[in-house]
Structure formats: structure tokens, C-alpha cells
C-alpha atoms as a PDB file:
ATOM      1  CA  MET A   1    -118.802-129.796-143.392  1.00  0.00           C
ATOM      2  CA  ASP A   2    -115.885-129.842-140.784  1.00  0.00           C
ATOM      3  CA  ILE A   3    -115.749-126.447-139.011  1.00  0.00           C
ATOM      4  CA  ASN A   4    -112.105-127.137-138.139  1.00  0.00           C
ATOM      5  CA  HIS A   5    -111.189-127.099-141.951  1.00  0.00           C
ATOM      6  CA  ASN A   6    -113.415-124.339-143.070  1.00  0.00           C
ATOM      7  CA  PRO A   7    -112.585-120.648-143.690  1.00  0.00           C
ATOM      8  CA  ILE A   8    -115.012-119.701-140.894  1.00  0.00           C
ATOM      9  CA  THR A   9    -112.556-121.432-138.542  1.00  0.00           C
ATOM     10  CA  LYS A  10    -110.641-118.200-138.289  1.00  0.00           C
ATOM     11  CA  MET A  11    -113.503-116.664-136.427  1.00  0.00           C
ATOM     12  CA  PHE A  12    -113.345-119.342-133.728  1.00  0.00           C
ATOM     13  CA  ALA A  13    -109.542-120.190-133.681  1.00  0.00           C
ATOM     14  CA  SER A  14    -107.395-119.224-130.742  1.00  0.00           C
ATOM     15  CA  SER A  15    -106.271-115.726-130.595  1.00  0.00           C
ATOM     16  CA  GLN A  16    -105.301-115.994-126.910  1.00  0.00           C
ATOM     17  CA  GLU A  17    -107.999-113.444-126.019  1.00  0.00           C
ATOM     18  CA  PRO A  18    -111.795-113.653-126.350  1.00  0.00           C
ATOM     19  CA  THR A  19    -112.873-112.326-129.771  1.00  0.00           C
ATOM     20  CA  VAL A  20    -116.289-110.891-130.687  1.00  0.00           C
ATOM     21  CA  ASN A  21    -117.565-110.899-134.216  1.00  0.00           C
ATOM     22  CA  ILE A  22    -120.998-110.396-135.903  1.00  0.00           C
ATOM     23  CA  ILE A  23    -121.526-113.288-138.274  1.00  0.00           C
ATOM     24  CA  THR A  24    -124.271-114.981-140.312  1.00  0.00           C
ATOM     25  CA  ILE A  25    -124.760-118.601-139.407  1.00  0.00           C
ATOM     26  CA  THR A  26    -126.064-120.651-142.227  1.00  0.00           C
ATOM     27  CA  PRO A  27    -127.733-124.157-141.625  1.00  0.00           C
ATOM     28  CA  GLU A  28    -124.544-125.735-142.962  1.00  0.00           C
ATOM     29  CA  MET A  29    -122.504-123.879-140.345  1.00  0.00           C
ATOM     30  CA  ALA A  30    -124.868-124.611-137.639  1.00  0.00           C
ATOM     31  CA  THR A  31    -124.615-128.324-138.422  1.00  0.00           C
ATOM     32  CA  ALA A  32    -120.745-128.131-138.223  1.00  0.00           C
ATOM     33  CA  LEU A  33    -120.882-126.135-135.083  1.00  0.00           C
ATOM     34  CA  LEU A  34    -123.132-128.587-133.376  1.00  0.00           C
ATOM     35  CA  GLU A  35    -120.561-131.336-133.935  1.00  0.00           C
ATOM     36  CA  LEU A  36    -118.398-129.538-131.524  1.00  0.00           C
ATOM     37  CA  ASN A  37    -121.221-129.580-128.919  1.00  0.00           C
ATOM     38  CA  THR A  38    -119.460-132.280-126.872  1.00  0.00           C
ATOM     39  CA  SER A  39    -121.358-131.656-123.527  1.00  0.00           C
ATOM     40  CA  ASN A  40    -124.179-129.282-122.894  1.00  0.00           C
ATOM     41  CA  ARG A  41    -127.534-129.175-121.082  1.00  0.00           C
ATOM     42  CA  PRO A  42    -130.357-131.440-122.453  1.00  0.00           C
ATOM     43  CA  LEU A  43    -132.029-130.000-125.560  1.00  0.00           C
ATOM     44  CA  SER A  44    -135.525-128.515-125.108  1.00  0.00           C
ATOM     45  CA  ARG A  45    -137.480-129.467-128.222  1.00  0.00           C
ATOM     46  CA  ALA A  46    -140.159-126.848-127.273  1.00  0.00           C
ATOM     47  CA  ARG A  47    -137.567-124.106-127.305  1.00  0.00           C
ATOM     48  CA  VAL A  48    -136.113-125.305-130.563  1.00  0.00           C
ATOM     49  CA  ARG A  49    -139.496-125.061-132.149  1.00  0.00           C
ATOM     50  CA  MET A  50    -140.178-121.542-130.815  1.00  0.00           C
ATOM     51  CA  TYR A  51    -136.819-120.390-132.138  1.00  0.00           C
ATOM     52  CA  ALA A  52    -137.305-122.044-135.443  1.00  0.00           C
ATOM     53  CA  ASP A  53    -140.753-120.479-135.869  1.00  0.00           C
ATOM     54  CA  GLN A  54    -139.282-117.145-135.080  1.00  0.00           C
ATOM     55  CA  MET A  55    -136.654-117.535-137.722  1.00  0.00           C
ATOM     56  CA  LYS A  56    -139.077-118.649-140.314  1.00  0.00           C
ATOM     57  CA  ARG A  57    -141.306-115.628-139.610  1.00  0.00           C
ATOM     58  CA  GLY A  58    -138.307-113.187-139.804  1.00  0.00           C
ATOM     59  CA  GLN A  59    -138.598-112.260-136.131  1.00  0.00           C
ATOM     60  CA  TRP A  60    -135.091-113.298-135.064  1.00  0.00           C
ATOM     61  CA  LYS A  61    -132.919-110.232-134.308  1.00  0.00           C
ATOM     62  CA  ILE A  62    -129.444-109.668-132.998  1.00  0.00           C
ATOM     63  CA  ASN A  63    -130.201-109.151-129.239  1.00  0.00           C
ATOM     64  CA  GLY A  64    -126.806-109.301-127.701  1.00  0.00           C
ATOM     65  CA  GLU A  65    -126.950-113.071-127.050  1.00  0.00           C
ATOM     66  CA  SER A  66    -124.080-114.921-128.572  1.00  0.00           C
ATOM     67  CA  ILE A  67    -122.736-118.179-129.907  1.00  0.00           C
ATOM     68  CA  LYS A  68    -119.924-118.934-127.654  1.00  0.00           C
ATOM     69  CA  THR A  69    -116.902-121.312-128.250  1.00  0.00           C
ATOM     70  CA  SER A  70    -113.768-122.080-126.517  1.00  0.00           C
ATOM     71  CA  CYS A  71    -110.384-123.295-128.189  1.00  0.00           C
ATOM     72  CA  ASN A  72    -107.956-125.440-126.306  1.00  0.00           C
ATOM     73  CA  PRO A  73    -104.628-123.765-126.599  1.00  0.00           C
ATOM     74  CA  LEU A  74    -102.720-127.076-126.512  1.00  0.00           C
ATOM     75  CA  THR A  75    -104.803-129.052-128.983  1.00  0.00           C
ATOM     76  CA  GLY A  76    -106.449-126.241-130.917  1.00  0.00           C
ATOM     77  CA  LYS A  77    -109.837-128.150-130.432  1.00  0.00           C
ATOM     78  CA  ILE A  78    -112.838-125.906-130.591  1.00  0.00           C
ATOM     79  CA  ARG A  79    -115.889-126.555-128.261  1.00  0.00           C
ATOM     80  CA  LEU A  80    -119.335-125.118-128.489  1.00  0.00           C
ATOM     81  CA  LEU A  81    -120.211-123.658-125.097  1.00  0.00           C
ATOM     82  CA  ASP A  82    -123.494-121.897-125.753  1.00  0.00           C
ATOM     83  CA  GLY A  83    -125.985-121.686-128.595  1.00  0.00           C
ATOM     84  CA  GLN A  84    -127.139-125.277-129.213  1.00  0.00           C
ATOM     85  CA  HIS A  85    -130.838-124.289-129.284  1.00  0.00           C
ATOM     86  CA  ARG A  86    -130.319-121.585-131.760  1.00  0.00           C
ATOM     87  CA  LEU A  87    -128.149-123.714-133.984  1.00  0.00           C
ATOM     88  CA  VAL A  88    -130.534-126.630-134.022  1.00  0.00           C
ATOM     89  CA  ALA A  89    -133.432-124.168-134.803  1.00  0.00           C
ATOM     90  CA  CYS A  90    -131.277-122.826-137.724  1.00  0.00           C
ATOM     91  CA  VAL A  91    -130.832-126.350-139.090  1.00  0.00           C
ATOM     92  CA  GLU A  92    -134.499-127.307-138.734  1.00  0.00           C
ATOM     93  CA  SER A  93    -135.804-124.110-140.095  1.00  0.00           C
ATOM     94  CA  GLY A  94    -133.350-123.915-143.027  1.00  0.00           C
ATOM     95  CA  VAL A  95    -132.944-120.229-142.276  1.00  0.00           C
ATOM     96  CA  SER A  96    -129.774-118.404-141.749  1.00  0.00           C
ATOM     97  CA  PHE A  97    -129.450-115.971-138.873  1.00  0.00           C
ATOM     98  CA  LYS A  98    -127.148-113.162-137.914  1.00  0.00           C
ATOM     99  CA  THR A  99    -125.580-113.227-134.439  1.00  0.00           C
ATOM    100  CA  LEU A 100    -122.702-112.279-132.177  1.00  0.00           C
ATOM    101  CA  ALA A 101    -120.012-114.914-131.994  1.00  0.00           C
ATOM    102  CA  VAL A 102    -117.606-115.004-128.964  1.00  0.00           C
ATOM    103  CA  SER A 103    -114.585-117.170-129.489  1.00  0.00           C
ATOM    104  CA  ASP A 104    -111.673-118.271-127.422  1.00  0.00           C
ATOM    105  CA  LEU A 105    -113.349-118.152-124.012  1.00  0.00           C
ATOM    106  CA  GLU A 106    -111.981-120.334-121.318  1.00  0.00           C
ATOM    107  CA  GLU A 107    -113.764-123.714-121.078  1.00  0.00           C
ATOM    108  CA  SER A 108    -114.253-123.059-117.324  1.00  0.00           C
ATOM    109  CA  VAL A 109    -116.856-120.281-118.027  1.00  0.00           C
ATOM    110  CA  PHE A 110    -119.297-122.954-119.156  1.00  0.00           C
ATOM    111  CA  SER A 111    -120.393-123.374-115.612  1.00  0.00           C
ATOM    112  CA  VAL A 112    -121.491-119.850-115.215  1.00  0.00           C
ATOM    113  CA  ILE A 113    -123.204-119.372-118.672  1.00  0.00           C
ATOM    114  CA  ASP A 114    -127.034-118.745-118.748  1.00  0.00           C
ATOM    115  CA  ARG A 115    -127.378-117.865-115.015  1.00  0.00           C
ATOM    116  CA  GLY A 116    -128.978-114.513-115.647  1.00  0.00           C
ATOM    117  CA  LYS A 117    -132.852-113.964-115.382  1.00  0.00           C
ATOM    118  CA  ALA A 118    -134.529-114.598-118.691  1.00  0.00           C
ATOM    119  CA  ARG A 119    -136.556-111.748-120.066  1.00  0.00           C
ATOM    120  CA  GLY A 120    -140.187-112.680-120.262  1.00  0.00           C
ATOM    121  CA  ASN A 121    -143.127-111.265-122.205  1.00  0.00           C
ATOM    122  CA  HIS A 122    -144.232-109.066-119.316  1.00  0.00           C
ATOM    123  CA  ASP A 123    -140.763-107.516-119.390  1.00  0.00           C
ATOM    124  CA  VAL A 124    -141.128-106.780-123.249  1.00  0.00           C
ATOM    125  CA  LEU A 125    -144.400-104.980-122.313  1.00  0.00           C
ATOM    126  CA  ALA A 126    -142.922-103.062-119.432  1.00  0.00           C
ATOM    127  CA  ILE A 127    -140.010-101.814-121.562  1.00  0.00           C
ATOM    128  CA  ALA A 128    -142.629-100.657-124.184  1.00  0.00           C
ATOM    129  CA  GLY A 129    -144.407 -98.609-121.325  1.00  0.00           C
ATOM    130  CA  ILE A 130    -147.355-100.888-120.979  1.00  0.00           C
ATOM    131  CA  LYS A 131    -148.286-101.483-117.319  1.00  0.00           C
ATOM    132  CA  ASN A 132    -149.623-104.577-115.653  1.00  0.00           C
ATOM    133  CA  GLY A 133    -147.647-106.885-117.948  1.00  0.00           C
ATOM    134  CA  SER A 134    -147.326-109.830-115.631  1.00  0.00           C
ATOM    135  CA  HIS A 135    -151.189-110.189-115.961  1.00  0.00           C
ATOM    136  CA  ILE A 136    -151.727-108.900-119.420  1.00  0.00           C
ATOM    137  CA  ALA A 137    -148.885-110.834-121.190  1.00  0.00           C
ATOM    138  CA  PRO A 138    -150.155-114.432-120.512  1.00  0.00           C
ATOM    139  CA  ALA A 139    -153.688-113.338-121.318  1.00  0.00           C
ATOM    140  CA  VAL A 140    -152.801-111.838-124.649  1.00  0.00           C
ATOM    141  CA  LYS A 141    -150.947-115.148-125.545  1.00  0.00           C
ATOM    142  CA  TYR A 142    -154.239-116.883-125.104  1.00  0.00           C
ATOM    143  CA  PHE A 143    -156.085-114.207-127.163  1.00  0.00           C
ATOM    144  CA  ILE A 144    -153.625-114.870-129.946  1.00  0.00           C
ATOM    145  CA  CYS A 145    -153.859-118.617-129.650  1.00  0.00           C
ATOM    146  CA  LEU A 146    -157.637-118.639-129.707  1.00  0.00           C
ATOM    147  CA  GLU A 147    -157.944-116.083-132.532  1.00  0.00           C
ATOM    148  CA  ALA A 148    -155.629-118.348-134.660  1.00  0.00           C
ATOM    149  CA  GLY A 149    -157.816-121.315-133.976  1.00  0.00           C
ATOM    150  CA  LEU A 150    -155.052-123.107-131.976  1.00  0.00           C
ATOM    151  CA  ASN A 151    -155.591-125.214-128.989  1.00  0.00           C
ATOM    152  CA  PRO A 152    -155.171-123.266-125.823  1.00  0.00           C
ATOM    153  CA  ARG A 153    -154.219-126.380-123.933  1.00  0.00           C
ATOM    154  CA  ASN A 154    -151.208-127.041-126.154  1.00  0.00           C
ATOM    155  CA  LYS A 155    -148.274-125.699-124.496  1.00  0.00           C
ATOM    156  CA  ASP A 156    -146.066-126.021-127.587  1.00  0.00           C
ATOM    157  CA  ALA A 157    -148.530-123.763-129.479  1.00  0.00           C
ATOM    158  CA  ILE A 158    -148.530-121.191-126.642  1.00  0.00           C
ATOM    159  CA  MET A 159    -144.697-121.242-126.637  1.00  0.00           C
ATOM    160  CA  LEU A 160    -144.608-120.438-130.366  1.00  0.00           C
ATOM    161  CA  ILE A 161    -146.062-117.068-129.532  1.00  0.00           C
ATOM    162  CA  SER A 162    -143.169-114.700-129.109  1.00  0.00           C
ATOM    163  CA  GLY A 163    -142.732-111.466-127.173  1.00  0.00           C
ATOM    164  CA  GLU A 164    -142.863-109.530-130.355  1.00  0.00           C
ATOM    165  CA  ASP A 165    -146.273-111.194-131.095  1.00  0.00           C
ATOM    166  CA  VAL A 166    -147.530-110.111-127.681  1.00  0.00           C
ATOM    167  CA  LEU A 167    -146.468-106.610-127.995  1.00  0.00           C
ATOM    168  CA  ASP A 168    -147.824-106.260-131.469  1.00  0.00           C
ATOM    169  CA  TYR A 169    -151.182-107.639-130.439  1.00  0.00           C
ATOM    170  CA  THR A 170    -151.309-105.466-127.297  1.00  0.00           C
ATOM    171  CA  ARG A 171    -150.619-102.325-129.267  1.00  0.00           C
ATOM    172  CA  ARG A 172    -153.140-102.982-131.971  1.00  0.00           C
ATOM    173  CA  HIS A 173    -155.924-103.943-129.477  1.00  0.00           C
ATOM    174  CA  PHE A 174    -154.869-101.950-126.477  1.00  0.00           C
ATOM    175  CA  ASP A 175    -158.357-100.769-125.675  1.00  0.00           C
ATOM    176  CA  HIS A 176    -159.672-104.258-125.616  1.00  0.00           C
ATOM    177  CA  VAL A 177    -156.773-105.635-123.659  1.00  0.00           C
ATOM    178  CA  GLU A 178    -157.126-102.813-121.080  1.00  0.00           C
ATOM    179  CA  TRP A 179    -160.837-103.225-120.872  1.00  0.00           C
ATOM    180  CA  ALA A 180    -160.424-106.980-120.214  1.00  0.00           C
ATOM    181  CA  TYR A 181    -157.628-106.445-117.628  1.00  0.00           C
ATOM    182  CA  GLN A 182    -159.763-103.871-115.655  1.00  0.00           C
ATOM    183  CA  HIS A 183    -162.528-106.482-115.455  1.00  0.00           C
ATOM    184  CA  GLY A 184    -160.179-109.176-114.328  1.00  0.00           C
ATOM    185  CA  ARG A 185    -158.652-106.902-111.669  1.00  0.00           C
ATOM    186  CA  ARG A 186    -162.277-105.772-110.346  1.00  0.00           C
ATOM    187  CA  VAL A 187    -163.543-109.381-110.152  1.00  0.00           C
ATOM    188  CA  THR A 188    -160.389-110.682-108.456  1.00  0.00           C
ATOM    189  CA  SER A 189    -160.327-107.938-105.968  1.00  0.00           C
ATOM    190  CA  ALA A 190    -163.979-108.598-105.040  1.00  0.00           C
ATOM    191  CA  ILE A 191    -164.134-112.373-104.945  1.00  0.00           C
ATOM    192  CA  GLY A 192    -160.673-113.792-105.736  1.00  0.00           C
ATOM    193  CA  GLY A 193    -159.712-116.309-108.302  1.00  0.00           C
ATOM    194  CA  ILE A 194    -156.932-116.275-110.884  1.00  0.00           C
ATOM    195  CA  ARG A 195    -156.757-112.678-112.321  1.00  0.00           C
ATOM    196  CA  THR A 196    -155.357-113.784-115.672  1.00  0.00           C
ATOM    197  CA  ALA A 197    -158.207-116.312-116.059  1.00  0.00           C
ATOM    198  CA  TRP A 198    -160.819-113.584-115.579  1.00  0.00           C
ATOM    199  CA  ILE A 199    -158.949-111.316-118.059  1.00  0.00           C
ATOM    200  CA  ILE A 200    -158.958-114.057-120.639  1.00  0.00           C
ATOM    201  CA  PHE A 201    -162.604-114.823-120.031  1.00  0.00           C
ATOM    202  CA  ALA A 202    -163.741-111.197-120.341  1.00  0.00           C
ATOM    203  CA  GLY A 203    -161.622-110.758-123.444  1.00  0.00           C
ATOM    204  CA  ILE A 204    -162.539-113.694-125.465  1.00  0.00           C
ATOM    205  CA  VAL A 205    -166.322-113.548-124.683  1.00  0.00           C
ATOM    206  CA  ALA A 206    -166.491-109.910-125.657  1.00  0.00           C
ATOM    207  CA  GLN A 207    -164.425-110.607-128.856  1.00  0.00           C
ATOM    208  CA  GLU A 208    -166.634-113.592-129.712  1.00  0.00           C
ATOM    209  CA  ARG A 209    -169.882-111.800-129.207  1.00  0.00           C
ATOM    210  CA  GLY A 210    -168.707-108.610-130.798  1.00  0.00           C
ATOM    211  CA  GLU A 211    -169.896-106.533-127.700  1.00  0.00           C
ATOM    212  CA  ARG A 212    -169.211-106.002-124.119  1.00  0.00           C
ATOM    213  CA  ASP A 213    -172.666-105.605-122.525  1.00  0.00           C
ATOM    214  CA  SER A 214    -173.171-109.276-121.818  1.00  0.00           C
ATOM    215  CA  VAL A 215    -169.774-109.504-120.009  1.00  0.00           C
ATOM    216  CA  ASP A 216    -170.693-106.486-117.849  1.00  0.00           C
ATOM    217  CA  ALA A 217    -174.149-107.970-116.997  1.00  0.00           C
ATOM    218  CA  PHE A 218    -172.477-111.272-116.185  1.00  0.00           C
ATOM    219  CA  LEU A 219    -169.701-109.980-113.950  1.00  0.00           C
ATOM    220  CA  GLN A 220    -171.110-107.006-112.161  1.00  0.00           C
ATOM    221  CA  PRO A 221    -173.471-108.864-109.928  1.00  0.00           C
ATOM    222  CA  MET A 222    -170.684-111.370-109.042  1.00  0.00           C
ATOM    223  CA  VAL A 223    -168.625-108.339-107.896  1.00  0.00           C
ATOM    224  CA  THR A 224    -171.314-106.751-105.792  1.00  0.00           C
ATOM    225  CA  GLY A 225    -173.218-109.922-104.744  1.00  0.00           C
ATOM    226  CA  GLU A 226    -176.431-107.995-105.303  1.00  0.00           C
ATOM    227  CA  ASN A 227    -179.637-109.236-107.061  1.00  0.00           C
ATOM    228  CA  LEU A 228    -178.495-112.924-107.263  1.00  0.00           C
ATOM    229  CA  ALA A 229    -181.320-115.336-106.617  1.00  0.00           C
ATOM    230  CA  SER A 230    -180.851-118.960-105.877  1.00  0.00           C
ATOM    231  CA  GLY A 231    -180.344-120.956-109.118  1.00  0.00           C
ATOM    232  CA  ASP A 232    -178.647-118.126-110.756  1.00  0.00           C
ATOM    233  CA  PRO A 233    -175.530-119.406-112.412  1.00  0.00           C
ATOM    234  CA  ARG A 234    -173.591-116.197-111.543  1.00  0.00           C
ATOM    235  CA  LEU A 235    -174.317-116.967-107.851  1.00  0.00           C
ATOM    236  CA  ALA A 236    -173.118-120.526-108.180  1.00  0.00           C
ATOM    237  CA  LEU A 237    -169.988-119.327-109.750  1.00  0.00           C
ATOM    238  CA  ARG A 238    -169.374-116.629-107.218  1.00  0.00           C
ATOM    239  CA  ASN A 239    -169.763-119.081-104.386  1.00  0.00           C
ATOM    240  CA  TRP A 240    -167.396-121.551-106.149  1.00  0.00           C
ATOM    241  CA  VAL A 241    -164.712-118.930-106.693  1.00  0.00           C
ATOM    242  CA  ILE A 242    -164.981-117.687-103.104  1.00  0.00           C
ATOM    243  CA  ARG A 243    -164.807-121.204-101.715  1.00  0.00           C
ATOM    244  CA  ASN A 244    -161.747-122.072-103.766  1.00  0.00           C
ATOM    245  CA  GLY A 245    -160.051-118.763-102.981  1.00  0.00           C
ATOM    246  CA  ASN A 246    -156.666-118.146-104.575  1.00  0.00           C
ATOM    247  CA  THR A 247    -155.395-121.724-103.922  1.00  0.00           C
ATOM    248  CA  ARG A 248    -155.769-122.884-107.480  1.00  0.00           C
ATOM    249  CA  SER A 249    -152.358-122.712-109.143  1.00  0.00           C
ATOM    250  CA  GLY A 250    -151.548-120.654-112.232  1.00  0.00           C
ATOM    251  CA  ALA A 251    -151.245-123.937-114.225  1.00  0.00           C
ATOM    252  CA  LEU A 252    -155.002-124.192-113.993  1.00  0.00           C
ATOM    253  CA  THR A 253    -155.631-120.846-115.552  1.00  0.00           C
ATOM    254  CA  ILE A 254    -157.074-122.251-118.711  1.00  0.00           C
ATOM    255  CA  GLU A 255    -159.272-124.759-116.811  1.00  0.00           C
ATOM    256  CA  ASN A 256    -160.754-121.984-114.897  1.00  0.00           C
ATOM    257  CA  VAL A 257    -161.373-120.000-118.081  1.00  0.00           C
ATOM    258  CA  ALA A 258    -163.317-122.942-119.549  1.00  0.00           C
ATOM    259  CA  THR A 259    -165.257-123.228-116.221  1.00  0.00           C
ATOM    260  CA  TYR A 260    -166.306-119.552-116.491  1.00  0.00           C
ATOM    261  CA  ILE A 261    -167.382-119.972-120.108  1.00  0.00           C
ATOM    262  CA  ARG A 262    -169.478-122.992-119.364  1.00  0.00           C
ATOM    263  CA  VAL A 263    -171.282-121.229-116.463  1.00  0.00           C
ATOM    264  CA  TYR A 264    -171.722-118.122-118.729  1.00  0.00           C
ATOM    265  CA  ASN A 265    -173.394-120.320-121.423  1.00  0.00           C
ATOM    266  CA  GLN A 266    -175.786-121.613-118.792  1.00  0.00           C
ATOM    267  CA  TRP A 267    -176.665-118.150-117.723  1.00  0.00           C
ATOM    268  CA  VAL A 268    -177.204-116.844-121.226  1.00  0.00           C
ATOM    269  CA  ALA A 269    -179.425-119.805-121.882  1.00  0.00           C
ATOM    270  CA  GLY A 270    -181.516-119.095-118.858  1.00  0.00           C
ATOM    271  CA  GLU A 271    -180.679-122.406-117.077  1.00  0.00           C
ATOM    272  CA  SER A 272    -180.635-122.970-113.398  1.00  0.00           C
ATOM    273  CA  LEU A 273    -177.400-123.856-111.627  1.00  0.00           C
ATOM    274  CA  LYS A 274    -176.656-124.320-107.982  1.00  0.00           C
ATOM    275  CA  LEU A 275    -173.358-126.246-108.045  1.00  0.00           C
ATOM    276  CA  VAL A 276    -170.456-125.625-110.368  1.00  0.00           C
ATOM    277  CA  ARG A 277    -168.723-128.518-111.772  1.00  0.00           C
ATOM    278  CA  PRO A 278    -165.194-127.454-112.772  1.00  0.00           C
ATOM    279  CA  TRP A 279    -164.187-128.126-116.430  1.00  0.00           C
ATOM    280  CA  THR A 280    -161.568-130.779-116.934  1.00  0.00           C
ATOM    281  CA  SER A 281    -159.197-131.513-119.708  1.00  0.00           C
ATOM    282  CA  SER A 282    -161.027-134.632-120.688  1.00  0.00           C
ATOM    283  CA  SER A 283    -164.033-132.532-121.839  1.00  0.00           C
ATOM    284  CA  ASP A 284    -164.253-130.550-125.157  1.00  0.00           C
ATOM    285  CA  TRP A 285    -163.487-126.927-125.001  1.00  0.00           C
ATOM    286  CA  PRO A 286    -166.724-125.002-124.493  1.00  0.00           C
ATOM    287  CA  GLN A 287    -167.845-122.824-127.411  1.00  0.00           C
ATOM    288  CA  ILE A 288    -169.199-119.453-126.337  1.00  0.00           C
ATOM    289  CA  ASN A 289    -172.945-119.116-126.602  1.00  0.00           C
ATOM    290  CA  THR A 290    -173.722-116.022-128.749  1.00  0.00           C
ATOM    291  CA  VAL A 291    -177.434-116.509-128.679  1.00  0.00           C
ATOM    292  CA  ASP A 292    -179.464-114.889-125.838  1.00  0.00           C
ATOM    293  CA  TYR A 293    -182.447-117.039-124.792  1.00  0.00           C
ATOM    294  CA  GLY A 294    -183.291-114.454-122.105  1.00  0.00           C
ATOM    295  CA  PRO A 295    -181.840-115.154-118.693  1.00  0.00           C
ATOM    296  CA  VAL A 296    -184.566-115.620-116.138  1.00  0.00           C
ATOM    297  CA  PHE A 297    -182.609-114.415-113.177  1.00  0.00           C
END
């Protein structure tokens, strides 16, 4: 299908001034528009998968972003300036989507498109009136991922979780999310570490066990430093976190969560531990021990 010889061309043809329309882009139209994508930034496959997943799930909405084209006044040639990821997602998902279409822009505007700050999941929570979104949003993405049985180390899987998913989960499980956040804040304030990692740890352990008491019993002595004897896994973890401080990057959040879970399992099983060995990606993801053998510490 040639967009230059199609009735839809009138929405993109030169009118001397930029024109804005709301149109429905079909996969066939998206294919034709992509043929006009003569030069653009490199395609992000992860972003395409995220958009395609949202389209398939009916989550794609008109949000003010537009498909932008220019039309050379001398040749009448149309060029796609912005929207390649949405169009490729439309083709690959096979789902039509409604969007704003801005036509007849000057080609020179291409260099200033997409310079604004992208709205993150924490912004979505903030707009909904939910505080502490910068810590809660990434934790909730991991809650959703683990609940769905997805690999939390798979960045593509994490990217498929949309802002709408995060907001919906947070609203439905707000008490649980807020409880986990408060534990993460309290531990981080006392001994350091990555707050999001502590939030994820508290949330998934309590969720897996179906109760919160064991999380409280594990974390409280780490906060105060009281009643921790030599060999207690909680003391070993406390020392390890303090020793590492806040120098571990956010990219290692999930590795820290796995380390916390492994030490927690040793504590639940009543094992002695003096030196923490950080979990690495070459190891299997630790399953949460839900059987109490009676900690001896």
C-alpha cells in the first residue's frame, strides 16, 4: 500500500500550515507510513515490544503524543518525523490504534523532537496522589513480575509492565505496598542499602508466606542491632549491608533482593552464618523458605 496514492494522503499532504487530526492507524497504514521513515533514530526492540503488548491488551490510549510528518512543498514528498516505534508496534501486534496526526511540519523540527522528559511510572503514581512513587513504582514492577511467574532478571519482561499496570496493582494492594515501603524506609534509614531492594524483599516474602510476622522478626533486630549473637544470619547481613553502604548501584537491586532472600532462608532454617556471599546472576533464583525449622538465634 502506497501512502502517497491512498485516500489517507489528504491527512498528510501539504496544506501550507501544520494540520492536526485524530485518526485510526491500521497495520496496513502503519506499514505504508514506515516506508516514509527515511532517517530516524535506531529502533529500540524493547520499546516496540512494550508498545505492542499494550496495544494487544487494549491499554493504548490517546495521550497527546502524535504521529508527525512533513511534506516537501517543492516535491510533495512526505516524510515520517516521529512515531516509528508506535507504527512498528502496530504492525507487529496487528492491532489498530487511534492517535493524533500532525502533518506538514517543517523538516527542520526533526532535530528538536523528543527532547522533553519522559513520564515514568513514578510520575503516574504521583499524579494519582500516591506518595513515594520513585521507590514504590520499581518495587511494584517486580511484585507484578514475580506474581506472574516471570524472570525478574529479564529486562524485557520488566519493560512490558506499563504505568497503568503499576497504578492498578498499587491501588488494589495499597496496604501491602505501603507496608513494604515503610519497612524498606526504616531499614535503609538505619543501616543503608538500596531502599527499593528492601521494599521488594519485604513485599515478596510476606506475600509468599501469607503473613508478615517473620519479616518483622527478621528485619527488626537488623534495624536496632540488638539481640544479635555471633553466627546469626541477620547480624551477618547487617554487617554486610553497612560495609557496602550505599555504593551498590540501582542496577544491582535485584541481586541484593536475592541475597536478602538467601540469608533469610538460612535464618529460617536455623543455620549459622558469619559471612554473606552475595548472590550472582549465575546462580538460580532463591525460592523463599516457607517452613520454619525454629531459628536458634
